[in-house]
Amino acid sequence: MPARTSELTAHDHVTGPRGERVLVRRSARRRRTVSIARSDGNLVVSIPASMSRREERRWVEQMVQQLRDKEQRNAPPRRSDADLLALAREVSDTYLGGRARPASVTWSTRQNRRWGSCTSADATIRLSHRLQGMPDYVVRAVMMHELVHLLVPDHGPEFRALMANYPDAERANAFLDGVTWATHQPGGPGPLSDADEA
């Protein structure tokens, strides 16, 4: 049986769907199959060691495109700002008796250290664009957090009591903790927290 090779070479002419570097692993064990997998923030395309450079290039492009297509098919639909406002009203009606009524809710590309923020004076809510594509219960939890802030400015007992109305808050916190850890953001936003909170 031939020894397995694990030679990794960079494939600079193509990048992954999320801008990942593409590495090629040639394997003496592999005869005909080609596969792609994520590893340490890179995409690794495994191919037979006997494959020509021209075939390698064609297969790398094909596998990356297949992955890109699959991820686009499986991605949740993107919400518009109007959709966010409707979601805010639904969450408020369901969990807060309709008491919190934002004037606007928008995605923000400037929210890199918080998942969301609100301004009580003009009843506006901004959600980090990084929430796009996350599970619905997570987006709803961040929305709930900001809606509660329209009613209660701090994180005291009244705030916590209102947040307790949202049944998936703990699960959403755990998810956001995982995202923060996985993206290695020291001092990042963490779970439904405010950056200025002590």
N, C-alpha and C. Protein backbone atom coordinates (compact mmCIF):
# COMPACT_ATOMS: atom_id res chain seq x y z
N MET A 1 0.85 -1.18 0.00
CA MET A 1 0.00 0.00 0.00
C MET A 1 0.90 1.24 0.00
N PRO A 2 0.66 2.18 -0.90
CA PRO A 2 1.49 3.38 -0.95
C PRO A 2 1.34 4.20 0.32
N ALA A 3 2.39 4.90 0.68
CA ALA A 3 2.33 5.77 1.85
C ALA A 3 1.44 6.96 1.54
N ARG A 4 0.75 7.41 2.54
CA ARG A 4 -0.13 8.57 2.37
C ARG A 4 0.72 9.83 2.40
N THR A 5 0.53 10.69 1.43
CA THR A 5 1.23 11.96 1.45
C THR A 5 0.29 13.00 2.01
N SER A 6 0.86 13.99 2.63
CA SER A 6 0.02 15.06 3.15
C SER A 6 0.59 16.41 2.74
N GLU A 7 1.18 16.43 1.57
CA GLU A 7 1.75 17.66 1.04
C GLU A 7 0.62 18.66 0.77
N LEU A 8 0.71 19.82 1.39
CA LEU A 8 -0.27 20.88 1.17
C LEU A 8 0.38 22.00 0.40
N THR A 9 -0.26 22.40 -0.70
CA THR A 9 0.25 23.53 -1.46
C THR A 9 -0.87 24.54 -1.63
N ALA A 10 -0.51 25.80 -1.61
CA ALA A 10 -1.50 26.86 -1.78
C ALA A 10 -1.93 26.93 -3.23
N HIS A 11 -3.19 27.21 -3.43
CA HIS A 11 -3.74 27.37 -4.78
C HIS A 11 -4.19 28.82 -4.87
N ASP A 12 -3.34 29.69 -5.37
CA ASP A 12 -3.55 31.13 -5.28
C ASP A 12 -4.55 31.72 -6.27
N HIS A 13 -4.91 30.98 -7.31
CA HIS A 13 -5.78 31.58 -8.33
C HIS A 13 -7.26 31.57 -7.97
N VAL A 14 -7.62 30.93 -6.86
CA VAL A 14 -9.03 30.88 -6.46
C VAL A 14 -9.11 30.97 -4.94
N THR A 15 -10.18 31.61 -4.45
CA THR A 15 -10.41 31.67 -3.00
C THR A 15 -11.77 31.06 -2.70
N GLY A 16 -11.98 30.71 -1.45
CA GLY A 16 -13.23 30.09 -1.04
C GLY A 16 -14.37 31.09 -0.97
N PRO A 17 -15.60 30.58 -0.72
CA PRO A 17 -16.78 31.44 -0.66
C PRO A 17 -16.69 32.54 0.38
N ARG A 18 -15.95 32.31 1.44
CA ARG A 18 -15.80 33.30 2.50
C ARG A 18 -14.42 33.95 2.45
N GLY A 19 -13.76 33.86 1.30
CA GLY A 19 -12.43 34.44 1.14
C GLY A 19 -11.31 33.56 1.68
N GLU A 20 -11.63 32.29 1.97
CA GLU A 20 -10.62 31.39 2.54
C GLU A 20 -9.52 31.10 1.52
N ARG A 21 -8.35 30.82 2.05
CA ARG A 21 -7.24 30.35 1.22
C ARG A 21 -7.54 28.90 0.85
N VAL A 22 -7.22 28.52 -0.38
CA VAL A 22 -7.45 27.15 -0.84
C VAL A 22 -6.11 26.42 -0.88
N LEU A 23 -6.06 25.29 -0.18
CA LEU A 23 -4.88 24.45 -0.17
C LEU A 23 -5.21 23.14 -0.88
N VAL A 24 -4.20 22.55 -1.52
CA VAL A 24 -4.38 21.27 -2.20
C VAL A 24 -3.54 20.22 -1.50
N ARG A 25 -4.18 19.10 -1.19
CA ARG A 25 -3.47 17.97 -0.58
C ARG A 25 -3.45 16.85 -1.61
N ARG A 26 -2.24 16.46 -2.03
CA ARG A 26 -2.08 15.33 -2.95
C ARG A 26 -1.87 14.07 -2.12
N SER A 27 -2.63 13.04 -2.44
CA SER A 27 -2.55 11.80 -1.67
C SER A 27 -2.26 10.61 -2.59
N ALA A 28 -1.24 9.83 -2.24
CA ALA A 28 -0.91 8.62 -3.00
C ALA A 28 -1.99 7.56 -2.82
N ARG A 29 -2.72 7.59 -1.74
CA ARG A 29 -3.80 6.62 -1.49
C ARG A 29 -5.02 6.88 -2.36
N ARG A 30 -5.24 8.13 -2.67
CA ARG A 30 -6.43 8.52 -3.43
C ARG A 30 -6.21 8.15 -4.90
N ARG A 31 -7.19 7.48 -5.49
CA ARG A 31 -7.07 7.05 -6.89
C ARG A 31 -7.90 7.92 -7.84
N ARG A 32 -9.17 8.12 -7.51
CA ARG A 32 -10.05 8.85 -8.42
C ARG A 32 -10.86 9.94 -7.75
N THR A 33 -11.02 9.88 -6.45
CA THR A 33 -11.93 10.80 -5.79
C THR A 33 -11.27 12.13 -5.46
N VAL A 34 -12.09 13.14 -5.43
CA VAL A 34 -11.67 14.49 -5.06
C VAL A 34 -12.65 14.97 -4.00
N SER A 35 -12.16 15.62 -2.95
CA SER A 35 -13.05 16.12 -1.91
C SER A 35 -12.59 17.50 -1.46
N ILE A 36 -13.48 18.19 -0.77
CA ILE A 36 -13.16 19.52 -0.24
C ILE A 36 -13.67 19.57 1.20
N ALA A 37 -12.88 20.20 2.07
CA ALA A 37 -13.26 20.33 3.48
C ALA A 37 -12.65 21.59 4.05
N ARG A 38 -13.29 22.13 5.09
CA ARG A 38 -12.73 23.28 5.81
C ARG A 38 -11.80 22.75 6.89
N SER A 39 -10.66 23.42 7.06
CA SER A 39 -9.71 23.03 8.08
C SER A 39 -8.90 24.25 8.50
N ASP A 40 -8.96 24.61 9.77
CA ASP A 40 -8.18 25.73 10.32
C ASP A 40 -8.35 27.01 9.52
N GLY A 41 -9.56 27.32 9.11
CA GLY A 41 -9.84 28.56 8.39
C GLY A 41 -9.49 28.52 6.91
N ASN A 42 -9.06 27.37 6.41
CA ASN A 42 -8.73 27.20 4.99
C ASN A 42 -9.68 26.19 4.38
N LEU A 43 -9.69 26.15 3.04
CA LEU A 43 -10.35 25.06 2.33
C LEU A 43 -9.26 24.12 1.86
N VAL A 44 -9.44 22.82 2.08
CA VAL A 44 -8.46 21.84 1.64
C VAL A 44 -9.13 20.94 0.60
N VAL A 45 -8.58 20.95 -0.62
CA VAL A 45 -9.06 20.08 -1.68
C VAL A 45 -8.09 18.90 -1.75
N SER A 46 -8.61 17.70 -1.52
CA SER A 46 -7.78 16.49 -1.56
C SER A 46 -7.95 15.83 -2.91
N ILE A 47 -6.81 15.54 -3.56
CA ILE A 47 -6.81 14.98 -4.91
C ILE A 47 -5.82 13.82 -4.98
N PRO A 48 -5.95 12.96 -6.02
CA PRO A 48 -4.94 11.91 -6.21
C PRO A 48 -3.57 12.53 -6.53
N ALA A 49 -2.51 11.93 -6.03
CA ALA A 49 -1.16 12.44 -6.28
C ALA A 49 -0.82 12.41 -7.76
N SER A 50 -1.44 11.50 -8.50
CA SER A 50 -1.12 11.33 -9.93
C SER A 50 -1.79 12.37 -10.83
N MET A 51 -2.61 13.22 -10.29
CA MET A 51 -3.35 14.18 -11.10
C MET A 51 -2.42 15.25 -11.67
N SER A 52 -2.65 15.62 -12.93
CA SER A 52 -1.83 16.66 -13.56
C SER A 52 -2.18 18.03 -12.97
N ARG A 53 -1.30 18.99 -13.16
CA ARG A 53 -1.56 20.36 -12.66
C ARG A 53 -2.80 20.96 -13.33
N ARG A 54 -2.98 20.66 -14.61
CA ARG A 54 -4.15 21.18 -15.31
C ARG A 54 -5.44 20.59 -14.73
N GLU A 55 -5.44 19.27 -14.48
CA GLU A 55 -6.61 18.63 -13.85
C GLU A 55 -6.82 19.18 -12.44
N GLU A 56 -5.73 19.37 -11.73
CA GLU A 56 -5.81 19.93 -10.37
C GLU A 56 -6.53 21.26 -10.39
N ARG A 57 -6.10 22.13 -11.28
CA ARG A 57 -6.70 23.46 -11.36
C ARG A 57 -8.19 23.36 -11.67
N ARG A 58 -8.56 22.51 -12.62
CA ARG A 58 -9.96 22.34 -13.00
C ARG A 58 -10.78 21.81 -11.82
N TRP A 59 -10.24 20.80 -11.13
CA TRP A 59 -10.96 20.23 -10.00
C TRP A 59 -11.08 21.20 -8.83
N VAL A 60 -10.03 21.95 -8.56
CA VAL A 60 -10.10 22.93 -7.47
C VAL A 60 -11.19 23.95 -7.77
N GLU A 61 -11.20 24.49 -8.98
CA GLU A 61 -12.23 25.46 -9.35
C GLU A 61 -13.63 24.85 -9.24
N GLN A 62 -13.78 23.61 -9.71
CA GLN A 62 -15.08 22.95 -9.67
C GLN A 62 -15.54 22.69 -8.24
N MET A 63 -14.66 22.21 -7.39
CA MET A 63 -15.04 21.90 -6.01
C MET A 63 -15.38 23.17 -5.22
N VAL A 64 -14.61 24.23 -5.42
CA VAL A 64 -14.89 25.49 -4.73
C VAL A 64 -16.23 26.05 -5.21
N GLN A 65 -16.50 25.96 -6.51
CA GLN A 65 -17.78 26.45 -7.04
C GLN A 65 -18.94 25.63 -6.50
N GLN A 66 -18.78 24.31 -6.42
CA GLN A 66 -19.84 23.46 -5.86
C GLN A 66 -20.13 23.83 -4.41
N LEU A 67 -19.08 24.08 -3.64
CA LEU A 67 -19.25 24.48 -2.24
C LEU A 67 -19.96 25.83 -2.16
N ARG A 68 -19.53 26.77 -3.00
CA ARG A 68 -20.15 28.10 -3.03
C ARG A 68 -21.65 27.98 -3.36
N ASP A 69 -21.98 27.18 -4.38
CA ASP A 69 -23.38 26.99 -4.77
C ASP A 69 -24.19 26.36 -3.65
N LYS A 70 -23.63 25.35 -3.00
CA LYS A 70 -24.32 24.66 -1.91
C LYS A 70 -24.61 25.63 -0.76
N GLU A 71 -23.61 26.44 -0.39
CA GLU A 71 -23.80 27.37 0.72
C GLU A 71 -24.81 28.45 0.37
N GLN A 72 -24.84 28.89 -0.88
CA GLN A 72 -25.83 29.89 -1.28
C GLN A 72 -27.24 29.31 -1.26
N ARG A 73 -27.38 28.04 -1.69
CA ARG A 73 -28.69 27.38 -1.66
C ARG A 73 -29.20 27.22 -0.24
N ASN A 74 -28.29 26.94 0.69
CA ASN A 74 -28.68 26.66 2.07
C ASN A 74 -28.74 27.90 2.96
N ALA A 75 -28.30 29.04 2.44
CA ALA A 75 -28.29 30.26 3.25
C ALA A 75 -29.72 30.75 3.48
N PRO A 76 -30.02 31.19 4.69
CA PRO A 76 -31.36 31.73 4.93
C PRO A 76 -31.53 33.03 4.15
N PRO A 77 -32.77 33.35 3.78
CA PRO A 77 -32.99 34.60 3.04
C PRO A 77 -32.58 35.80 3.89
N ARG A 78 -32.06 36.82 3.23
CA ARG A 78 -31.65 38.02 3.95
C ARG A 78 -32.86 38.89 4.20
N ARG A 79 -32.92 39.40 5.41
CA ARG A 79 -34.03 40.28 5.78
C ARG A 79 -33.70 41.72 5.39
N SER A 80 -34.71 42.42 4.91
CA SER A 80 -34.56 43.84 4.63
C SER A 80 -34.79 44.61 5.93
N ASP A 81 -34.52 45.91 5.91
CA ASP A 81 -34.80 46.74 7.08
C ASP A 81 -36.30 46.73 7.40
N ALA A 82 -37.14 46.71 6.36
CA ALA A 82 -38.59 46.64 6.58
C ALA A 82 -38.96 45.31 7.25
N ASP A 83 -38.29 44.23 6.84
CA ASP A 83 -38.52 42.93 7.49
C ASP A 83 -38.12 42.98 8.96
N LEU A 84 -37.00 43.67 9.24
CA LEU A 84 -36.54 43.78 10.63
C LEU A 84 -37.55 44.55 11.48
N LEU A 85 -38.11 45.61 10.93
CA LEU A 85 -39.10 46.39 11.67
C LEU A 85 -40.34 45.53 11.96
N ALA A 86 -40.77 44.75 10.96
CA ALA A 86 -41.91 43.85 11.17
C ALA A 86 -41.58 42.79 12.22
N LEU A 87 -40.35 42.28 12.19
CA LEU A 87 -39.92 41.29 13.18
C LEU A 87 -39.92 41.91 14.58
N ALA A 88 -39.45 43.15 14.68
CA ALA A 88 -39.43 43.83 15.98
C ALA A 88 -40.84 43.97 16.54
N ARG A 89 -41.77 44.32 15.69
CA ARG A 89 -43.16 44.46 16.15
C ARG A 89 -43.73 43.11 16.58
N GLU A 90 -43.39 42.06 15.83
CA GLU A 90 -43.86 40.72 16.19
C GLU A 90 -43.28 40.27 17.54
N VAL A 91 -41.98 40.48 17.72
CA VAL A 91 -41.33 40.09 18.98
C VAL A 91 -41.91 40.90 20.14
N SER A 92 -42.10 42.20 19.93
CA SER A 92 -42.68 43.05 20.97
C SER A 92 -44.10 42.61 21.32
N ASP A 93 -44.91 42.34 20.30
CA ASP A 93 -46.29 41.90 20.55
C ASP A 93 -46.31 40.57 21.31
N THR A 94 -45.44 39.65 20.92
CA THR A 94 -45.45 38.31 21.51
C THR A 94 -44.92 38.28 22.93
N TYR A 95 -43.82 38.99 23.19
CA TYR A 95 -43.13 38.84 24.47
C TYR A 95 -43.21 40.06 25.38
N LEU A 96 -43.62 41.21 24.84
CA LEU A 96 -43.65 42.43 25.65
C LEU A 96 -45.02 43.10 25.62
N GLY A 97 -46.02 42.39 25.15
CA GLY A 97 -47.37 42.96 25.09
C GLY A 97 -47.45 44.16 24.18
N GLY A 98 -46.55 44.28 23.21
CA GLY A 98 -46.56 45.39 22.26
C GLY A 98 -46.07 46.71 22.84
N ARG A 99 -45.47 46.68 24.02
CA ARG A 99 -45.05 47.92 24.70
C ARG A 99 -43.87 48.61 24.01
N ALA A 100 -42.97 47.86 23.41
CA ALA A 100 -41.79 48.46 22.75
C ALA A 100 -42.10 48.63 21.27
N ARG A 101 -42.05 49.87 20.80
CA ARG A 101 -42.36 50.17 19.41
C ARG A 101 -41.23 50.99 18.78
N PRO A 102 -40.28 50.33 18.13
CA PRO A 102 -39.20 51.09 17.51
C PRO A 102 -39.70 51.86 16.28
N ALA A 103 -39.09 53.01 16.04
CA ALA A 103 -39.41 53.79 14.85
C ALA A 103 -38.73 53.19 13.63
N SER A 104 -37.54 52.63 13.85
CA SER A 104 -36.82 51.98 12.75
C SER A 104 -35.89 50.91 13.31
N VAL A 105 -35.63 49.91 12.46
CA VAL A 105 -34.66 48.86 12.77
C VAL A 105 -33.85 48.65 11.50
N THR A 106 -32.53 48.74 11.63
CA THR A 106 -31.67 48.61 10.44
C THR A 106 -30.48 47.71 10.73
N TRP A 107 -29.93 47.15 9.64
CA TRP A 107 -28.65 46.45 9.74
C TRP A 107 -27.56 47.49 9.79
N SER A 108 -26.51 47.22 10.52
CA SER A 108 -25.38 48.14 10.60
C SER A 108 -24.08 47.40 10.35
N THR A 109 -23.27 47.93 9.46
CA THR A 109 -21.95 47.34 9.21
C THR A 109 -20.92 47.95 10.16
N ARG A 110 -21.35 48.87 11.01
CA ARG A 110 -20.43 49.51 11.96
C ARG A 110 -20.49 48.86 13.33
N GLN A 111 -21.32 47.84 13.49
CA GLN A 111 -21.48 47.15 14.77
C GLN A 111 -20.55 45.94 14.79
N ASN A 112 -19.30 46.15 15.11
CA ASN A 112 -18.35 45.03 15.13
C ASN A 112 -18.02 44.56 16.53
N ARG A 113 -18.40 45.33 17.54
CA ARG A 113 -18.13 44.93 18.92
C ARG A 113 -19.41 44.69 19.70
N ARG A 114 -20.54 44.90 19.07
CA ARG A 114 -21.84 44.65 19.69
C ARG A 114 -22.71 43.90 18.68
N TRP A 115 -23.65 43.15 19.19
CA TRP A 115 -24.60 42.47 18.31
C TRP A 115 -25.75 43.41 17.94
N GLY A 116 -26.00 44.39 18.78
CA GLY A 116 -27.07 45.34 18.50
C GLY A 116 -26.96 46.53 19.42
N SER A 117 -27.69 47.58 19.08
CA SER A 117 -27.74 48.76 19.94
C SER A 117 -29.06 49.48 19.67
N CYS A 118 -29.43 50.34 20.62
CA CYS A 118 -30.64 51.12 20.41
C CYS A 118 -30.43 52.52 20.97
N THR A 119 -31.21 53.43 20.47
CA THR A 119 -31.25 54.79 20.98
C THR A 119 -32.68 55.06 21.41
N SER A 120 -32.87 55.15 22.71
CA SER A 120 -34.23 55.32 23.24
C SER A 120 -34.85 56.64 22.82
N ALA A 121 -34.03 57.69 22.71
CA ALA A 121 -34.55 59.02 22.39
C ALA A 121 -35.33 59.04 21.08
N ASP A 122 -34.85 58.32 20.07
CA ASP A 122 -35.57 58.30 18.79
C ASP A 122 -36.12 56.91 18.45
N ALA A 123 -36.04 55.99 19.41
CA ALA A 123 -36.59 54.63 19.27
C ALA A 123 -36.04 53.89 18.05
N THR A 124 -34.72 54.00 17.86
CA THR A 124 -34.10 53.29 16.74
C THR A 124 -33.28 52.11 17.26
N ILE A 125 -33.28 51.05 16.49
CA ILE A 125 -32.50 49.85 16.80
C ILE A 125 -31.60 49.56 15.61
N ARG A 126 -30.35 49.20 15.92
CA ARG A 126 -29.40 48.78 14.90
C ARG A 126 -28.90 47.39 15.27
N LEU A 127 -28.93 46.48 14.30
CA LEU A 127 -28.41 45.13 14.51
C LEU A 127 -27.15 44.94 13.67
N SER A 128 -26.18 44.27 14.24
CA SER A 128 -24.94 44.02 13.51
C SER A 128 -25.22 43.16 12.28
N HIS A 129 -24.61 43.54 11.18
CA HIS A 129 -24.74 42.76 9.94
C HIS A 129 -24.21 41.33 10.13
N ARG A 130 -23.39 41.12 11.16
CA ARG A 130 -22.84 39.78 11.42
C ARG A 130 -23.92 38.79 11.83
N LEU A 131 -25.10 39.29 12.22
CA LEU A 131 -26.22 38.41 12.58
C LEU A 131 -26.90 37.81 11.35
N GLN A 132 -26.68 38.41 10.18
CA GLN A 132 -27.31 37.89 8.97
C GLN A 132 -26.84 36.46 8.74
N GLY A 133 -27.78 35.59 8.51
CA GLY A 133 -27.45 34.19 8.29
C GLY A 133 -27.42 33.35 9.55
N MET A 134 -27.50 33.99 10.72
CA MET A 134 -27.56 33.23 11.97
C MET A 134 -28.98 32.70 12.17
N PRO A 135 -29.14 31.69 13.02
CA PRO A 135 -30.48 31.15 13.25
C PRO A 135 -31.47 32.22 13.70
N ASP A 136 -32.72 32.02 13.31
CA ASP A 136 -33.77 32.98 13.61
C ASP A 136 -33.90 33.27 15.10
N TYR A 137 -33.80 32.23 15.94
CA TYR A 137 -33.96 32.45 17.39
C TYR A 137 -32.86 33.36 17.94
N VAL A 138 -31.69 33.38 17.29
CA VAL A 138 -30.59 34.26 17.72
C VAL A 138 -30.91 35.71 17.35
N VAL A 139 -31.33 35.93 16.12
CA VAL A 139 -31.69 37.29 15.69
C VAL A 139 -32.83 37.81 16.56
N ARG A 140 -33.81 36.96 16.84
CA ARG A 140 -34.93 37.37 17.69
C ARG A 140 -34.47 37.71 19.11
N ALA A 141 -33.50 36.97 19.63
CA ALA A 141 -33.00 37.24 20.98
C ALA A 141 -32.31 38.60 21.05
N VAL A 142 -31.50 38.91 20.04
CA VAL A 142 -30.83 40.22 20.01
C VAL A 142 -31.89 41.31 19.85
N MET A 143 -32.87 41.07 19.00
CA MET A 143 -33.96 42.03 18.82
C MET A 143 -34.67 42.25 20.16
N MET A 144 -34.99 41.17 20.85
CA MET A 144 -35.67 41.26 22.16
C MET A 144 -34.84 42.10 23.12
N HIS A 145 -33.53 41.85 23.16
CA HIS A 145 -32.63 42.59 24.05
C HIS A 145 -32.75 44.09 23.79
N GLU A 146 -32.70 44.47 22.52
CA GLU A 146 -32.76 45.89 22.18
C GLU A 146 -34.16 46.46 22.42
N LEU A 147 -35.19 45.69 22.17
CA LEU A 147 -36.56 46.15 22.47
C LEU A 147 -36.73 46.41 23.96
N VAL A 148 -36.20 45.53 24.78
CA VAL A 148 -36.30 45.73 26.23
C VAL A 148 -35.57 47.01 26.62
N HIS A 149 -34.45 47.31 25.94
CA HIS A 149 -33.73 48.55 26.23
C HIS A 149 -34.55 49.80 25.87
N LEU A 150 -35.48 49.68 24.95
CA LEU A 150 -36.35 50.83 24.68
C LEU A 150 -37.24 51.12 25.89
N LEU A 151 -37.46 50.11 26.72
CA LEU A 151 -38.30 50.26 27.91
C LEU A 151 -37.49 50.47 29.19
N VAL A 152 -36.34 49.82 29.27
CA VAL A 152 -35.51 49.84 30.48
C VAL A 152 -34.07 50.10 30.07
N PRO A 153 -33.45 51.19 30.55
CA PRO A 153 -32.10 51.53 30.07
C PRO A 153 -30.97 50.64 30.60
N ASP A 154 -31.16 50.05 31.77
CA ASP A 154 -30.05 49.29 32.38
C ASP A 154 -30.33 47.79 32.31
N HIS A 155 -29.47 47.01 32.94
CA HIS A 155 -29.61 45.55 32.95
C HIS A 155 -30.03 45.04 34.34
N GLY A 156 -30.80 45.84 35.05
CA GLY A 156 -31.23 45.49 36.40
C GLY A 156 -32.34 44.45 36.41
N PRO A 157 -32.98 44.29 37.58
CA PRO A 157 -34.01 43.26 37.75
C PRO A 157 -35.19 43.39 36.77
N GLU A 158 -35.62 44.62 36.50
CA GLU A 158 -36.75 44.81 35.57
C GLU A 158 -36.36 44.35 34.16
N PHE A 159 -35.14 44.71 33.74
CA PHE A 159 -34.64 44.28 32.43
C PHE A 159 -34.61 42.75 32.35
N ARG A 160 -34.02 42.11 33.36
CA ARG A 160 -33.89 40.65 33.36
C ARG A 160 -35.26 39.97 33.38
N ALA A 161 -36.20 40.54 34.10
CA ALA A 161 -37.55 39.96 34.16
C ALA A 161 -38.21 40.01 32.78
N LEU A 162 -38.05 41.13 32.08
CA LEU A 162 -38.62 41.22 30.74
C LEU A 162 -37.92 40.28 29.76
N MET A 163 -36.60 40.18 29.85
CA MET A 163 -35.85 39.27 28.97
C MET A 163 -36.24 37.82 29.20
N ALA A 164 -36.63 37.50 30.43
CA ALA A 164 -37.03 36.13 30.76
C ALA A 164 -38.28 35.69 29.99
N ASN A 165 -39.01 36.66 29.42
CA ASN A 165 -40.18 36.31 28.61
C ASN A 165 -39.79 35.62 27.30
N TYR A 166 -38.56 35.83 26.85
CA TYR A 166 -38.12 35.21 25.59
C TYR A 166 -37.54 33.84 25.90
N PRO A 167 -38.17 32.76 25.46
CA PRO A 167 -37.78 31.41 25.89
C PRO A 167 -36.42 30.93 25.37
N ASP A 168 -35.91 31.50 24.30
CA ASP A 168 -34.65 31.02 23.72
C ASP A 168 -33.46 31.91 24.04
N ALA A 169 -33.59 32.78 25.04
CA ALA A 169 -32.50 33.72 25.35
C ALA A 169 -31.22 32.99 25.75
N GLU A 170 -31.33 31.98 26.61
CA GLU A 170 -30.13 31.26 27.05
C GLU A 170 -29.46 30.53 25.90
N ARG A 171 -30.26 29.88 25.07
CA ARG A 171 -29.72 29.16 23.92
C ARG A 171 -29.04 30.15 22.95
N ALA A 172 -29.65 31.31 22.74
CA ALA A 172 -29.06 32.33 21.87
C ALA A 172 -27.75 32.84 22.46
N ASN A 173 -27.72 33.06 23.78
CA ASN A 173 -26.47 33.48 24.43
C ASN A 173 -25.37 32.47 24.18
N ALA A 174 -25.70 31.19 24.33
CA ALA A 174 -24.70 30.13 24.12
C ALA A 174 -24.21 30.14 22.67
N PHE A 175 -25.11 30.33 21.74
CA PHE A 175 -24.73 30.39 20.32
C PHE A 175 -23.78 31.56 20.07
N LEU A 176 -24.15 32.74 20.58
CA LEU A 176 -23.31 33.92 20.37
C LEU A 176 -21.97 33.79 21.07
N ASP A 177 -21.94 33.14 22.24
CA ASP A 177 -20.66 32.85 22.90
C ASP A 177 -19.79 32.00 21.99
N GLY A 178 -20.40 31.00 21.36
CA GLY A 178 -19.65 30.13 20.45
C GLY A 178 -19.13 30.88 19.24
N VAL A 179 -19.95 31.76 18.68
CA VAL A 179 -19.51 32.56 17.54
C VAL A 179 -18.34 33.45 17.94
N THR A 180 -18.45 34.09 19.09
CA THR A 180 -17.38 34.96 19.56
C THR A 180 -16.10 34.17 19.76
N TRP A 181 -16.20 33.01 20.39
CA TRP A 181 -15.02 32.18 20.62
C TRP A 181 -14.43 31.73 19.29
N ALA A 182 -15.29 31.26 18.37
CA ALA A 182 -14.81 30.72 17.10
C ALA A 182 -14.15 31.78 16.23
N THR A 183 -14.57 33.01 16.35
CA THR A 183 -13.98 34.06 15.53
C THR A 183 -12.82 34.76 16.22
N HIS A 184 -12.46 34.25 17.39
CA HIS A 184 -11.29 34.76 18.13
C HIS A 184 -11.31 36.27 18.27
N GLN A 185 -12.38 36.78 18.82
CA GLN A 185 -12.49 38.22 19.02
C GLN A 185 -12.28 38.52 20.49
N PRO A 186 -11.04 38.66 20.93
CA PRO A 186 -10.84 38.99 22.34
C PRO A 186 -11.57 40.29 22.67
N GLY A 187 -12.34 40.25 23.70
CA GLY A 187 -13.10 41.44 24.08
C GLY A 187 -14.24 41.72 23.13
N GLY A 188 -14.62 40.71 22.34
CA GLY A 188 -15.70 40.87 21.37
C GLY A 188 -17.03 41.06 22.06
N PRO A 189 -18.11 41.09 21.29
CA PRO A 189 -19.40 41.45 21.83
C PRO A 189 -19.97 40.47 22.84
N GLY A 190 -19.65 39.21 22.74
CA GLY A 190 -20.19 38.25 23.69
C GLY A 190 -21.69 38.11 23.55
N PRO A 191 -22.32 37.47 24.50
CA PRO A 191 -23.75 37.21 24.40
C PRO A 191 -24.58 38.43 24.76
N LEU A 192 -25.39 38.88 23.87
CA LEU A 192 -26.37 39.94 24.12
C LEU A 192 -25.91 40.98 25.12
N SER A 193 -24.66 41.37 25.02
CA SER A 193 -24.14 42.32 26.00
C SER A 193 -23.89 43.66 25.34
N ASP A 194 -23.74 44.64 26.18
CA ASP A 194 -23.38 45.97 25.71
C ASP A 194 -21.91 46.17 26.02
N ALA A 195 -21.17 46.77 25.10
CA ALA A 195 -19.73 46.94 25.28
C ALA A 195 -19.39 47.78 26.50
N ASP A 196 -20.29 48.69 26.87
CA ASP A 196 -19.99 49.57 28.00
C ASP A 196 -20.47 48.99 29.33
N GLU A 197 -21.04 47.80 29.30
CA GLU A 197 -21.56 47.18 30.52
C GLU A 197 -20.41 46.71 31.39
N ALA A 198 -20.53 46.89 32.69
CA ALA A 198 -19.46 46.47 33.61
C ALA A 198 -19.59 45.01 33.96
